[in-house]
Protein backbone atom coordinates (compact mmCIF):
# COMPACT_ATOMS: atom_id res chain seq x y z
CA VAL A 1 -3.01 15.64 8.46
CA GLN A 2 -4.30 13.45 5.68
CA LEU A 3 -3.37 10.35 3.70
CA VAL A 4 -5.22 9.79 0.44
CA GLU A 5 -4.90 6.48 -1.39
CA SER A 6 -5.63 6.05 -5.07
CA GLY A 7 -4.96 3.62 -7.88
CA GLY A 8 -7.21 0.76 -6.89
CA GLY A 9 -9.61 -0.91 -9.25
CA LEU A 10 -10.64 -4.11 -10.98
CA VAL A 11 -7.90 -6.20 -12.56
CA GLN A 12 -7.63 -9.71 -13.95
CA PRO A 13 -5.44 -12.35 -12.31
CA GLY A 14 -1.85 -11.83 -13.38
CA GLY A 15 -2.38 -8.13 -13.89
CA SER A 16 -0.72 -5.15 -12.21
CA LEU A 17 -1.71 -2.03 -10.32
CA ARG A 18 0.17 0.79 -8.67
CA LEU A 19 -1.34 2.28 -5.56
CA SER A 20 -0.44 5.79 -4.44
CA CYS A 21 -0.68 7.36 -1.00
CA ALA A 22 -0.40 11.13 -1.02
CA ALA A 23 0.30 12.78 2.31
CA SER A 24 -0.65 16.30 3.32
CA GLY A 25 -0.21 18.19 6.55
CA PHE A 26 3.05 16.45 7.36
CA THR A 27 6.23 15.28 5.64
CA ILE A 28 6.57 11.54 5.13
CA SER A 29 10.37 11.73 5.25
CA GLY A 30 10.21 11.53 9.02
CA TYR A 31 7.90 8.55 9.16
CA ASP A 32 8.01 4.84 8.61
CA MET A 33 5.30 4.14 6.05
CA SER A 34 3.33 1.01 5.35
CA TRP A 35 0.51 -0.53 3.37
CA HIS A 36 -2.10 -2.77 4.96
CA ARG A 37 -5.07 -4.61 3.55
CA GLN A 38 -8.36 -5.91 4.79
CA ALA A 39 -10.29 -8.58 2.95
CA PRO A 40 -13.98 -9.25 3.66
CA GLY A 41 -14.38 -11.10 6.95
CA LYS A 42 -10.71 -10.76 7.83
CA GLU A 43 -8.68 -8.46 10.03
CA ARG A 44 -6.51 -5.71 8.63
CA ALA A 45 -2.99 -6.98 8.05
CA LEU A 46 0.39 -5.55 7.11
CA VAL A 47 1.39 -5.99 3.48
CA ALA A 48 4.55 -3.94 3.11
CA ALA A 49 6.56 -1.37 5.04
CA ILE A 50 9.40 1.02 4.38
CA THR A 51 11.53 2.88 6.88
CA SER A 52 11.77 6.66 6.99
CA SER A 53 15.18 6.45 5.34
CA GLY A 54 13.79 4.28 2.58
CA LEU A 55 16.68 1.88 3.07
CA ILE A 56 14.78 -1.01 4.62
CA THR A 57 11.63 -2.65 3.32
CA ASN A 58 9.59 -5.51 4.69
CA TYR A 59 6.90 -7.64 3.04
CA GLU A 60 4.30 -10.12 4.08
CA ASP A 61 5.32 -13.55 2.82
CA SER A 62 2.52 -13.97 0.28
CA VAL A 63 3.46 -10.79 -1.61
CA LYS A 64 7.25 -11.12 -1.60
CA GLY A 65 8.60 -10.91 -5.13
CA ARG A 66 5.32 -9.51 -6.44
CA PHE A 67 4.79 -6.22 -4.56
CA THR A 68 7.21 -3.32 -4.19
CA ILE A 69 6.86 -0.43 -1.76
CA SER A 70 8.62 2.84 -2.51
CA ARG A 71 8.52 6.48 -1.48
CA ASP A 72 9.03 9.79 -3.27
CA LYS A 73 10.00 12.53 -0.84
CA ALA A 74 9.59 15.27 -3.43
CA LYS A 75 6.00 14.23 -4.05
CA ASN A 76 5.38 13.33 -0.40
CA THR A 77 3.89 10.10 -1.67
CA VAL A 78 4.27 6.39 -1.00
CA TYR A 79 3.59 3.78 -3.65
CA LEU A 80 2.77 0.09 -3.76
CA ARG A 81 3.49 -1.58 -7.06
CA MET A 82 1.57 -4.85 -7.32
CA ASN A 83 2.42 -7.37 -10.03
CA SER A 84 1.16 -10.88 -10.75
CA LEU A 85 -2.02 -10.18 -8.85
CA LYS A 86 -3.98 -13.12 -7.48
CA LEU A 87 -7.62 -13.55 -6.51
CA GLU A 88 -6.58 -13.57 -2.85
CA ASP A 89 -5.10 -10.08 -3.17
CA THR A 90 -8.63 -8.70 -3.30
CA ALA A 91 -9.04 -6.31 -0.38
CA VAL A 92 -9.26 -2.71 0.68
CA TYR A 93 -5.72 -1.34 0.84
CA TYR A 94 -4.81 1.26 3.44
CA CYS A 95 -1.81 3.51 3.81
CA ASN A 96 -0.34 4.12 7.25
CA ALA A 97 2.23 6.51 8.71
CA ASP A 98 4.09 5.35 11.82
CA SER A 99 0.95 3.64 13.14
CA LYS A 100 -0.47 7.11 13.73
CA TYR A 101 -2.28 8.15 10.58
CA TRP A 102 -4.49 6.10 8.26
CA GLY A 103 -5.94 6.77 4.86
CA GLN A 104 -9.50 5.98 3.86
CA GLY A 105 -8.51 2.98 1.76
CA THR A 106 -8.74 2.01 -1.88
CA GLN A 107 -10.46 -1.11 -3.18
CA VAL A 108 -8.48 -3.64 -5.18
CA THR A 109 -10.50 -6.40 -6.81
CA VAL A 110 -8.81 -9.23 -8.67
CA SER A 111 -11.31 -11.15 -10.75
CA SER A 112 -11.60 -12.86 -14.11
């Protein structure tokens, strides 16, 4: 069982990134999926979540209207589209499946 995040990088304020979380060893269709982030000196926190059906999404207040979580069953992948990025979005972003499985994280740095 493995979750592999990708798509992080360095971006200027106001820019966009799309993170991907590719699952292997299990099918994401049966799992609630989520993205979390951990900034330096802070605890890991939930950013966005999507139910196994894909019908319900939930976002942390500071990212509402800017981030979008989605899932592609055919590709067994979950995405996090991040627009209008801010300096405070800088963190390591982690993918999670049903609070059971974690990826290794991908660094997102927002800097001018």
